[in-house]
Amino acid sequence: MRFIVKDGQLLPDLTHADSLPISHIPTIPQPPPNPLFTYNPDLQMLLSGKQLLLDDIPFPLAEIQTHYQKGYITYRKGISKNGNKLICTRCGNKDPQKFASFFCSRCGEQCHYCRHCLMMGRISECTPLIGWNGTVPVTQLPGNIMAWEGTLSEGQLIASLHVVEAIMQNREHLIWAVCGAGKTEVLFAGIEAAIKARKRICIATPRTDVVLELTPRLKAAFPELTIASLYGGSEDRHLFASLTIATTHQLLRFYDAFDAIILDEVDAFPYTVEDSLQYAAVQARKPTSAMIYLTATPSEKWQRECRTGKRTFTTIPARFHRHPLPVPEFTWCGNWQKRLKKDKLPTNVLRWVLERIQASKQVLLFFPHIPLMEKALEILRHINPEMETVHAEDPDRKNKVQRMRDKKIPVLLTTTILERGVTFPNIDVAVVGAEDPIFTESALVQIAGRAGRSKAHPDGVVTFFHYGKTEEMQKARRQIVSMNREGIKKGLLDS
């Protein structure tokens, strides 16, 4: 689109000689809201707390422009410039290699666009980001906000109180909770307090799998509350809700939206490696807001900040069932990759798997790379043909995970895709090739956390088969042992 500035307003204009793409206009004027104007409440619901492209808005440009001129809609530059450097307003991308140009039919010029967030719709130099400048929609509070009637463990209760305090006082806080501690239930009181105070709250997580798992649990706990569940292809894309559950990628559509963001799995890929997702989380917050971080495996930097008092945090060092975390056993298995090339697996790995099959115990068996895992499956299926593999690109991934839950798969070989976000009630866990660099301290702690999660089966076995111990393996075991010691010290464990 091309615009001109006239009488203190931005006007779309494709014919005027002085018209410019929006990114070339030095300052975007913003008319004040006209209290006599009757705005469209559907536009209000759609745009409140958002930054959307014209293509995302199912209303004619004329209506959008009228709302802008009456002060109820904002236009922001999709791409801004700092000297000759391009910056994507939506995702924060500044890398010149992640911009490209094309001849644009909308502005009639060679136009740069951001390749980094292209999957959210193309944003270019002539693309405005459109938001709402009026009052936020008023949602009706249900008579009974929370229906959950469960009880929290002592460790959960302390963390829950700290979540409530942080949300109500607009502070940042880290909940460092062991795998299986019941982090979701710890959030319930904070969510209820936020909704009562008419705060808008978002639970964000890096992975769609976790959104899909959290959504029914939150809807069961807050059955009368409107909850938006956002991920790629979600039907709730335009739903205004007091509680939103979203992938961190979906936060790119929000701007100045939430009074509190609960960021789950803050240590997980891709959030940790994509600056744009961290940028999106900051943009989605209101200037005065709370940020709650949840993780079982904070980075070394965050652990250091916790120890030195630079970061406020609460630990939940024990699971709700009061049994200690399974401590990984280190088992040397020789040059297992060399044996695989000869269509063999180490004897102790085969024996470990066979013992569990004979005991009717399900197994998660982790491998560092897909080709090695597929090769191992060929060998292991001689023991039991019902074994399966799963990885990130597997089109049947969700079905296989469900079949594992239904106990139809005895042994599931997997990459790190199942290191977190899945719960199987009674499994033992092993890593083949735990020395591989892909198995970081965080990954290994999460993998160990798959075992012993259920109250009925709290004593799962975790084995790291290796061709040489690594520092990451040692740090993972030390972290698990340290949490067990803290749990004993705080009286949160029975043994």
Protein backbone atom coordinates (compact mmCIF):
# COMPACT_ATOMS: atom_id res chain seq x y z
CA MET A 1 0.00 0.00 0.00
CA ARG A 2 0.96 3.64 -0.49
CA PHE A 3 -0.08 6.47 1.83
CA ILE A 4 0.02 10.23 2.08
CA VAL A 5 -0.15 12.31 5.26
CA LYS A 6 -2.87 14.95 5.03
CA ASP A 7 -4.41 17.07 7.79
CA GLY A 8 -2.67 15.00 10.46
CA GLN A 9 -3.95 11.68 9.13
CA LEU A 10 -2.57 8.79 7.10
CA LEU A 11 -4.58 8.23 3.92
CA PRO A 12 -4.28 5.32 1.45
CA ASP A 13 -3.43 6.72 -1.98
CA LEU A 14 -2.17 4.91 -5.06
CA THR A 15 -2.34 7.86 -7.43
CA HIS A 16 -0.83 10.87 -5.65
CA ALA A 17 2.72 11.65 -6.74
CA ASP A 18 3.82 12.24 -3.13
CA SER A 19 2.42 8.96 -1.78
CA LEU A 20 4.89 6.55 -0.11
CA PRO A 21 5.05 3.02 1.27
CA ILE A 22 4.26 3.24 4.98
CA SER A 23 7.84 2.37 6.03
CA HIS A 24 9.11 5.46 4.16
CA ILE A 25 6.88 7.86 6.12
CA PRO A 26 8.94 9.36 8.97
CA THR A 27 6.16 9.59 11.59
CA ILE A 28 2.78 7.86 11.55
CA PRO A 29 0.11 10.27 12.85
CA GLN A 30 -2.45 8.85 15.28
CA PRO A 31 -5.82 10.64 15.55
CA PRO A 32 -7.31 10.61 19.09
CA PRO A 33 -10.40 8.42 19.65
CA ASN A 34 -13.65 10.24 18.84
CA PRO A 35 -16.06 9.40 21.68
CA LEU A 36 -19.06 10.17 19.45
CA PHE A 37 -18.09 7.51 16.89
CA THR A 38 -19.88 4.17 17.08
CA TYR A 39 -17.13 1.64 16.46
CA ASN A 40 -17.61 -1.90 15.22
CA PRO A 41 -17.41 -4.24 18.26
CA ASP A 42 -16.36 -7.13 15.99
CA LEU A 43 -13.31 -5.12 14.90
CA GLN A 44 -12.64 -4.32 18.54
CA MET A 45 -12.74 -8.02 19.48
CA LEU A 46 -10.52 -8.97 16.56
CA LEU A 47 -7.83 -6.31 16.96
CA SER A 48 -7.54 -5.76 20.73
CA GLY A 49 -3.98 -6.62 21.72
CA LYS A 50 -3.09 -7.72 18.20
CA GLN A 51 -0.84 -6.64 15.32
CA LEU A 52 -2.35 -8.04 12.14
CA LEU A 53 -1.87 -7.68 8.41
CA LEU A 54 -4.68 -6.42 6.20
CA ASP A 55 -4.94 -9.93 4.74
CA ASP A 56 -5.73 -11.26 8.25
CA ILE A 57 -8.67 -8.89 8.77
CA PRO A 58 -12.04 -9.91 7.26
CA PHE A 59 -13.28 -6.32 6.97
CA PRO A 60 -13.06 -3.91 3.99
CA LEU A 61 -10.23 -1.38 3.88
CA ALA A 62 -12.75 1.48 3.87
CA GLU A 63 -14.13 0.41 7.27
CA ILE A 64 -10.63 -0.07 8.68
CA GLN A 65 -9.61 3.38 7.42
CA THR A 66 -12.71 5.02 8.92
CA HIS A 67 -11.90 3.50 12.30
CA TYR A 68 -8.32 4.79 11.98
CA GLN A 69 -9.51 8.32 11.14
CA LYS A 70 -11.85 8.23 14.14
CA GLY A 71 -8.90 7.18 16.35
CA TYR A 72 -9.83 3.56 17.04
CA ILE A 73 -7.28 1.75 14.86
CA THR A 74 -3.51 2.12 14.74
CA TYR A 75 -1.18 1.76 11.78
CA ARG A 76 2.42 0.77 12.47
CA LYS A 77 5.28 0.24 10.04
CA GLY A 78 5.73 -3.41 9.19
CA ILE A 79 9.41 -2.82 8.48
CA SER A 80 11.34 0.11 9.91
CA LYS A 81 14.80 1.42 9.11
CA ASN A 82 17.73 2.40 11.28
CA GLY A 83 19.90 4.19 8.76
CA ASN A 84 20.28 1.63 5.98
CA LYS A 85 19.48 -1.32 8.26
CA LEU A 86 16.06 -2.97 7.98
CA ILE A 87 14.20 -4.12 11.11
CA CYS A 88 11.04 -6.24 11.08
CA THR A 89 8.61 -4.67 13.52
CA ARG A 90 6.72 -7.93 14.01
CA CYS A 91 9.56 -10.38 14.76
CA GLY A 92 12.51 -8.07 15.45
CA ASN A 93 14.65 -9.55 12.66
CA LYS A 94 17.69 -7.39 11.82
CA ASP A 95 19.71 -9.95 9.84
CA PRO A 96 20.22 -8.59 6.27
CA GLN A 97 20.34 -12.17 4.95
CA LYS A 98 16.79 -12.76 6.20
CA PHE A 99 15.37 -9.94 4.10
CA ALA A 100 14.64 -10.17 0.37
CA SER A 101 13.08 -7.86 -2.19
CA PHE A 102 10.53 -8.19 -4.99
CA PHE A 103 8.61 -5.91 -7.33
CA CYS A 104 5.45 -5.25 -5.34
CA SER A 105 2.11 -4.75 -7.11
CA ARG A 106 0.68 -3.01 -4.04
CA CYS A 107 3.17 -0.16 -3.91
CA GLY A 108 4.60 -0.36 -7.45
CA GLU A 109 8.19 -0.42 -6.20
CA GLN A 110 10.99 -2.81 -5.40
CA CYS A 111 9.91 -3.74 -1.89
CA HIS A 112 11.85 -5.50 0.90
CA TYR A 113 10.11 -8.15 2.99
CA CYS A 114 11.06 -10.23 6.04
CA ARG A 115 11.76 -13.88 5.29
CA HIS A 116 12.18 -14.81 8.94
CA CYS A 117 8.47 -14.57 9.87
CA LEU A 118 7.10 -15.29 6.40
CA MET A 119 5.06 -18.24 7.73
CA MET A 120 2.86 -15.69 9.59
CA GLY A 121 2.07 -13.83 6.34
CA ARG A 122 4.37 -11.63 4.28
CA ILE A 123 5.31 -8.34 5.89
CA SER A 124 7.04 -5.80 3.68
CA GLU A 125 8.01 -2.12 3.51
CA CYS A 126 4.53 -1.14 2.34
CA THR A 127 2.69 -3.39 4.83
CA PRO A 128 1.01 -1.74 7.82
CA LEU A 129 0.59 -3.63 11.08
CA ILE A 130 -2.93 -2.92 12.28
CA GLY A 131 -4.03 -2.77 15.91
CA TRP A 132 -6.76 -1.39 18.19
CA ASN A 133 -6.56 1.97 19.96
CA GLY A 134 -9.84 1.97 21.87
CA THR A 135 -11.04 0.31 25.05
CA VAL A 136 -10.50 -3.41 25.56
CA PRO A 137 -13.63 -5.58 25.21
CA VAL A 138 -15.38 -6.26 28.50
CA THR A 139 -15.93 -9.98 29.00
CA GLN A 140 -18.56 -11.40 31.31
CA LEU A 141 -17.05 -13.19 34.29
CA PRO A 142 -18.53 -16.63 34.98
CA GLY A 143 -20.15 -17.12 38.35
CA ASN A 144 -17.71 -19.89 39.19
CA ILE A 145 -14.32 -19.26 37.58
CA MET A 146 -12.47 -22.39 38.67
CA ALA A 147 -14.02 -25.85 38.98
CA TRP A 148 -10.86 -27.75 39.94
CA GLU A 149 -11.19 -29.23 43.42
CA GLY A 150 -7.89 -31.09 43.71
CA THR A 151 -5.32 -30.53 46.43
CA LEU A 152 -1.76 -29.32 46.05
CA SER A 153 1.29 -30.83 47.68
CA GLU A 154 3.22 -28.66 50.14
CA GLY A 155 5.79 -27.82 47.46
CA GLN A 156 3.09 -27.00 44.91
CA LEU A 157 1.19 -24.83 47.39
CA ILE A 158 4.20 -22.61 48.13
CA ALA A 159 4.88 -22.18 44.40
CA SER A 160 1.18 -21.47 43.75
CA LEU A 161 1.16 -18.64 46.31
CA HIS A 162 4.28 -17.14 44.70
CA VAL A 163 2.61 -17.29 41.26
CA VAL A 164 -0.43 -15.42 42.60
CA GLU A 165 1.79 -12.76 44.21
CA ALA A 166 3.87 -12.26 41.05
CA ILE A 167 0.79 -11.93 38.81
CA MET A 168 -1.00 -9.50 41.11
CA GLN A 169 2.15 -7.42 41.70
CA ASN A 170 3.23 -7.46 38.02
CA ARG A 171 6.58 -9.09 38.71
CA GLU A 172 8.76 -11.70 37.02
CA HIS A 173 9.21 -15.06 38.76
CA LEU A 174 10.75 -18.43 37.91
CA ILE A 175 9.16 -21.72 38.97
CA TRP A 176 11.93 -24.33 38.88
CA ALA A 177 10.02 -27.57 39.23
CA VAL A 178 11.20 -31.11 38.65
CA CYS A 179 9.63 -33.13 35.83
CA GLY A 180 6.30 -34.47 37.03
CA ALA A 181 5.95 -31.98 39.89
CA GLY A 182 2.52 -30.87 38.65
CA LYS A 183 3.38 -27.43 37.24
CA THR A 184 0.01 -26.99 35.51
CA GLU A 185 -1.95 -27.28 38.76
CA VAL A 186 0.40 -24.73 40.38
CA LEU A 187 -0.92 -22.14 37.89
CA PHE A 188 -4.62 -22.53 38.65
CA ALA A 189 -4.85 -20.13 41.62
CA GLY A 190 -2.85 -17.48 39.73
CA ILE A 191 -5.12 -17.78 36.70
CA GLU A 192 -8.22 -17.51 38.91
CA ALA A 193 -6.85 -14.42 40.69
CA ALA A 194 -5.96 -12.80 37.36
CA ILE A 195 -9.41 -13.42 35.87
CA LYS A 196 -11.13 -12.05 38.98
CA ALA A 197 -8.99 -8.90 38.64
CA ARG A 198 -10.02 -8.73 34.95
CA LYS A 199 -6.50 -9.32 33.82
CA ARG A 200 -5.86 -10.95 30.46
CA ILE A 201 -3.50 -13.91 30.73
CA CYS A 202 -1.56 -16.11 28.30
CA ILE A 203 0.18 -19.45 28.74
CA ALA A 204 2.81 -19.75 26.00
CA THR A 205 4.92 -22.78 25.16
CA PRO A 206 7.35 -23.51 22.31
CA ARG A 207 5.60 -26.65 21.05
CA THR A 208 2.16 -27.36 19.59
CA ASP A 209 2.06 -30.76 21.36
CA VAL A 210 2.05 -29.01 24.73
CA VAL A 211 -0.71 -26.58 23.66
CA LEU A 212 -2.84 -29.55 22.61
CA GLU A 213 -2.19 -31.31 25.92
CA LEU A 214 -2.78 -28.23 28.11
CA THR A 215 -5.99 -27.05 26.43
CA PRO A 216 -8.36 -29.81 27.64
CA ARG A 217 -6.84 -29.69 31.13
CA LEU A 218 -7.39 -25.93 31.40
CA LYS A 219 -10.91 -26.19 29.95
CA ALA A 220 -11.75 -28.84 32.53
CA ALA A 221 -10.39 -26.63 35.34
CA PHE A 222 -12.14 -23.47 34.03
CA PRO A 223 -15.20 -24.87 32.18
CA GLU A 224 -17.18 -21.59 31.99
CA LEU A 225 -14.25 -19.47 30.85
CA THR A 226 -13.62 -18.59 27.20
CA ILE A 227 -10.21 -20.08 26.37
CA ALA A 228 -8.40 -19.54 23.06
CA SER A 229 -6.06 -22.31 21.93
CA LEU A 230 -3.63 -20.99 19.32
CA TYR A 231 -1.22 -22.92 17.10
CA GLY A 232 -0.67 -23.28 13.35
CA GLY A 233 -4.07 -23.94 11.75
CA SER A 234 -6.04 -23.29 14.96
CA GLU A 235 -9.74 -22.40 14.61
CA ASP A 236 -9.45 -19.97 17.55
CA ARG A 237 -7.24 -17.57 15.61
CA HIS A 238 -9.65 -14.60 15.88
CA LEU A 239 -11.15 -15.45 19.29
CA PHE A 240 -10.82 -12.81 22.03
CA ALA A 241 -10.38 -14.58 25.37
CA SER A 242 -9.42 -13.82 28.96
CA LEU A 243 -7.17 -16.91 28.91
CA THR A 244 -5.10 -17.79 25.87
CA ILE A 245 -2.94 -20.90 25.41
CA ALA A 246 -0.53 -20.42 22.51
CA THR A 247 2.68 -21.52 20.90
CA THR A 248 5.40 -18.89 21.24
CA HIS A 249 5.26 -18.43 17.44
CA GLN A 250 1.64 -17.25 17.78
CA LEU A 251 2.77 -14.45 20.09
CA LEU A 252 4.06 -12.70 16.96
CA ARG A 253 0.43 -11.72 16.26
CA PHE A 254 0.05 -9.97 19.63
CA TYR A 255 1.08 -6.51 20.76
CA ASP A 256 0.62 -4.93 24.19
CA ALA A 257 -2.01 -7.60 24.92
CA PHE A 258 -1.47 -9.49 28.16
CA ASP A 259 -1.36 -8.51 31.83
CA ALA A 260 0.49 -11.75 32.55
CA ILE A 261 2.36 -14.25 30.41
CA ILE A 262 3.21 -17.69 31.77
CA LEU A 263 6.06 -19.00 29.67
CA ASP A 264 6.21 -22.80 29.92
CA GLU A 265 9.32 -24.79 28.98
CA VAL A 266 11.39 -21.62 28.76
CA ASP A 267 14.50 -23.75 28.17
CA ALA A 268 13.03 -25.64 25.20
CA PHE A 269 13.79 -25.47 21.48
CA PRO A 270 13.01 -23.34 19.50
CA TYR A 271 12.44 -20.59 22.12
CA THR A 272 16.03 -20.76 23.37
CA VAL A 273 17.62 -20.34 19.93
CA GLU A 274 15.22 -17.94 18.20
CA ASP A 275 15.57 -14.32 19.28
CA SER A 276 12.31 -13.54 17.47
CA LEU A 277 10.31 -15.68 19.91
CA GLN A 278 11.83 -13.93 22.92
CA TYR A 279 11.12 -10.61 21.18
CA ALA A 280 7.52 -11.74 20.57
CA ALA A 281 7.00 -12.56 24.24
CA VAL A 282 8.18 -9.07 25.24
CA GLN A 283 5.98 -7.38 22.60
CA ALA A 284 2.91 -9.38 23.65
CA ARG A 285 3.16 -8.09 27.25
CA LYS A 286 1.64 -4.87 28.43
CA PRO A 287 4.22 -2.34 29.70
CA THR A 288 3.09 -3.11 33.26
CA SER A 289 2.64 -6.88 33.46
CA ALA A 290 3.81 -10.12 35.02
CA MET A 291 5.99 -12.84 33.50
CA ILE A 292 6.07 -16.31 35.05
CA TYR A 293 8.72 -18.71 33.76
CA LEU A 294 8.27 -22.47 34.16
CA THR A 295 11.02 -25.03 33.67
CA ALA A 296 12.52 -28.20 35.06
CA THR A 297 15.89 -27.39 33.53
CA PRO A 298 16.93 -23.73 33.66
CA SER A 299 20.09 -22.77 31.79
CA GLU A 300 23.41 -22.50 33.63
CA LYS A 301 23.08 -18.70 33.44
CA TRP A 302 19.66 -18.77 35.08
CA GLN A 303 20.81 -21.28 37.71
CA ARG A 304 23.68 -18.92 38.55
CA GLU A 305 21.28 -15.95 38.77
CA CYS A 306 19.08 -17.94 41.14
CA ARG A 307 22.04 -18.84 43.38
CA THR A 308 23.31 -15.22 43.49
CA GLY A 309 19.92 -13.66 44.17
CA LYS A 310 19.63 -11.91 40.81
CA ARG A 311 16.50 -13.83 39.85
CA THR A 312 13.50 -14.52 42.09
CA PHE A 313 12.50 -18.17 41.97
CA THR A 314 10.70 -21.00 43.71
CA THR A 315 11.79 -24.62 43.50
CA ILE A 316 9.51 -27.63 43.62
CA PRO A 317 12.16 -30.31 44.19
CA ALA A 318 9.77 -33.24 44.55
CA ARG A 319 6.91 -34.81 42.66
CA PHE A 320 3.40 -34.68 44.07
CA HIS A 321 3.51 -38.42 44.91
CA ARG A 322 6.43 -37.83 47.33
CA HIS A 323 8.77 -40.37 45.71
CA PRO A 324 12.30 -39.33 44.64
CA LEU A 325 13.25 -38.76 41.02
CA PRO A 326 14.81 -41.82 39.37
CA VAL A 327 18.58 -41.28 39.28
CA PRO A 328 20.15 -42.31 35.94
CA GLU A 329 22.48 -45.30 35.84
CA PHE A 330 25.54 -44.94 33.58
CA THR A 331 26.27 -48.11 31.60
CA TRP A 332 29.17 -48.41 29.17
CA CYS A 333 28.12 -50.11 25.90
CA GLY A 334 31.27 -49.77 23.77
CA ASN A 335 31.32 -48.49 20.21
CA TRP A 336 27.64 -49.01 19.59
CA GLN A 337 27.60 -47.14 16.26
CA LYS A 338 30.28 -49.47 14.87
CA ARG A 339 28.22 -52.47 15.96
CA LEU A 340 25.11 -50.98 14.32
CA LYS A 341 26.93 -50.84 11.00
CA LYS A 342 27.36 -54.60 11.34
CA ASP A 343 23.64 -55.02 12.08
CA LYS A 344 24.25 -55.57 15.78
CA LEU A 345 23.47 -53.80 19.04
CA PRO A 346 25.50 -54.02 22.26
CA THR A 347 24.61 -57.11 24.27
CA ASN A 348 23.77 -55.16 27.42
CA VAL A 349 21.35 -52.93 25.48
CA LEU A 350 19.58 -55.98 24.03
CA ARG A 351 19.44 -57.64 27.44
CA TRP A 352 18.01 -54.46 29.03
CA VAL A 353 15.22 -54.26 26.44
CA LEU A 354 14.46 -57.98 26.58
CA GLU A 355 14.12 -57.94 30.38
CA ARG A 356 11.49 -55.22 30.17
CA ILE A 357 9.52 -56.97 27.45
CA GLN A 358 9.48 -60.14 29.54
CA ALA A 359 8.26 -58.11 32.53
CA SER A 360 5.57 -56.38 30.37
CA LYS A 361 7.14 -53.00 31.14
CA GLN A 362 6.89 -50.37 28.43
CA VAL A 363 10.07 -48.66 27.27
CA LEU A 364 11.10 -45.31 25.78
CA LEU A 365 14.44 -45.81 24.02
CA PHE A 366 16.18 -42.58 22.94
CA PHE A 367 18.66 -42.30 20.08
CA PRO A 368 20.66 -39.25 18.96
CA HIS A 369 19.90 -39.50 15.23
CA ILE A 370 17.10 -40.86 13.04
CA PRO A 371 19.18 -43.17 10.73
CA LEU A 372 20.77 -44.87 13.75
CA MET A 373 17.37 -45.28 15.38
CA GLU A 374 15.83 -46.79 12.23
CA LYS A 375 18.76 -49.21 11.95
CA ALA A 376 18.30 -50.25 15.58
CA LEU A 377 14.58 -50.88 14.98
CA GLU A 378 15.38 -53.48 12.32
CA ILE A 379 17.43 -55.38 14.90
CA LEU A 380 15.06 -54.97 17.84
CA ARG A 381 12.00 -56.08 15.89
CA HIS A 382 13.47 -59.60 15.92
CA ILE A 383 12.66 -59.50 19.65
CA ASN A 384 9.20 -57.96 19.22
CA PRO A 385 7.74 -56.89 15.86
CA GLU A 386 5.35 -54.37 17.47
CA MET A 387 8.12 -51.88 18.29
CA GLU A 388 7.96 -48.48 16.55
CA THR A 389 10.05 -45.37 15.97
CA VAL A 390 8.97 -41.73 16.18
CA HIS A 391 10.63 -38.42 15.31
CA ALA A 392 9.70 -34.79 14.58
CA GLU A 393 8.97 -35.32 10.87
CA ASP A 394 7.00 -38.53 11.36
CA PRO A 395 3.48 -37.92 9.90
CA ASP A 396 2.10 -40.64 12.18
CA ARG A 397 3.72 -39.19 15.30
CA LYS A 398 0.57 -38.28 17.23
CA ASN A 399 -1.04 -41.64 16.52
CA LYS A 400 2.05 -43.53 17.70
CA VAL A 401 2.21 -41.55 20.92
CA GLN A 402 -1.46 -42.32 21.55
CA ARG A 403 -0.89 -46.02 20.83
CA MET A 404 1.95 -45.93 23.33
CA ARG A 405 -0.43 -44.42 25.89
CA ASP A 406 -2.93 -47.18 25.06
CA LYS A 407 -0.16 -49.76 25.75
CA LYS A 408 -0.29 -51.08 22.20
CA ILE A 409 3.44 -50.39 21.62
CA PRO A 410 5.83 -52.19 24.01
CA VAL A 411 8.98 -50.26 23.04
CA LEU A 412 9.01 -46.85 21.34
CA LEU A 413 12.32 -45.72 19.85
CA THR A 414 12.51 -41.95 19.72
CA THR A 415 14.69 -38.93 19.13
CA THR A 416 14.70 -36.02 21.59
CA ILE A 417 11.24 -35.07 20.27
CA LEU A 418 9.74 -36.99 23.24
CA GLU A 419 12.16 -35.68 25.85
CA ARG A 420 9.36 -33.52 27.29
CA GLY A 421 5.63 -32.88 27.10
CA VAL A 422 4.51 -36.53 27.18
CA THR A 423 3.48 -38.71 30.10
CA PHE A 424 3.27 -42.50 30.13
CA PRO A 425 2.24 -43.98 33.48
CA ASN A 426 4.57 -46.99 33.78
CA ILE A 427 7.74 -46.93 31.70
CA ASP A 428 11.47 -47.42 31.95
CA VAL A 429 13.73 -45.12 29.95
CA ALA A 430 17.10 -45.61 28.29
CA VAL A 431 19.37 -43.49 26.12
CA VAL A 432 21.60 -45.23 23.60
CA GLY A 433 24.60 -43.02 22.86
CA ALA A 434 24.20 -40.64 25.80
CA GLU A 435 27.65 -39.25 24.96
CA ASP A 436 26.33 -37.58 21.79
CA PRO A 437 26.43 -33.74 21.91
CA ILE A 438 22.69 -33.57 21.26
CA PHE A 439 22.12 -34.92 24.77
CA THR A 440 22.71 -31.78 26.83
CA GLU A 441 22.20 -31.56 30.58
CA SER A 442 18.72 -30.17 29.97
CA ALA A 443 17.78 -32.91 27.50
CA LEU A 444 19.04 -35.70 29.77
CA VAL A 445 17.21 -34.33 32.83
CA GLN A 446 14.00 -34.13 30.80
CA ILE A 447 14.49 -37.65 29.43
CA ALA A 448 15.04 -39.02 32.94
CA GLY A 449 11.90 -37.15 33.95
CA ARG A 450 9.75 -39.37 31.72
CA ALA A 451 10.11 -42.25 34.24
CA GLY A 452 8.34 -42.66 37.58
CA ARG A 453 5.76 -39.93 37.02
CA SER A 454 2.65 -41.80 38.15
CA LYS A 455 1.60 -42.35 41.76
CA ALA A 456 0.85 -45.99 40.98
CA HIS A 457 4.29 -46.53 39.38
CA PRO A 458 6.74 -44.02 40.91
CA ASP A 459 9.93 -46.09 40.58
CA GLY A 460 10.92 -46.18 36.91
CA VAL A 461 14.44 -47.10 35.82
CA VAL A 462 16.61 -44.69 33.80
CA THR A 463 19.77 -45.94 32.06
CA PHE A 464 22.26 -43.94 30.02
CA PHE A 465 24.16 -46.31 27.69
CA HIS A 466 27.34 -44.57 26.59
CA TYR A 467 30.70 -44.86 24.86
CA GLY A 468 32.35 -42.50 27.34
CA LYS A 469 30.85 -40.33 30.09
CA THR A 470 30.38 -36.65 29.30
CA GLU A 471 30.20 -33.58 31.52
CA GLU A 472 26.58 -33.12 30.41
CA MET A 473 25.73 -36.59 31.70
CA GLN A 474 27.42 -35.84 35.01
CA LYS A 475 25.67 -32.47 35.37
CA ALA A 476 22.29 -34.03 34.63
CA ARG A 477 22.76 -36.66 37.32
CA ARG A 478 24.05 -34.08 39.80
CA GLN A 479 20.98 -31.89 39.21
CA ILE A 480 18.62 -34.83 39.82
CA VAL A 481 20.49 -35.91 42.97
CA SER A 482 20.51 -32.29 44.20
CA MET A 483 16.74 -31.98 43.76
CA ASN A 484 16.18 -35.24 45.66
CA ARG A 485 18.35 -33.97 48.52
CA GLU A 486 16.43 -30.69 48.62
CA GLY A 487 13.15 -32.61 48.61
CA ILE A 488 14.31 -34.66 51.61
CA LYS A 489 15.57 -31.55 53.40
CA LYS A 490 12.23 -29.76 52.92
CA GLY A 491 10.25 -32.83 54.03
CA LEU A 492 8.65 -33.27 50.60
CA LEU A 493 9.81 -36.87 50.08
CA ASP A 494 8.86 -40.02 51.95
CA SER A 495 12.15 -41.74 51.19
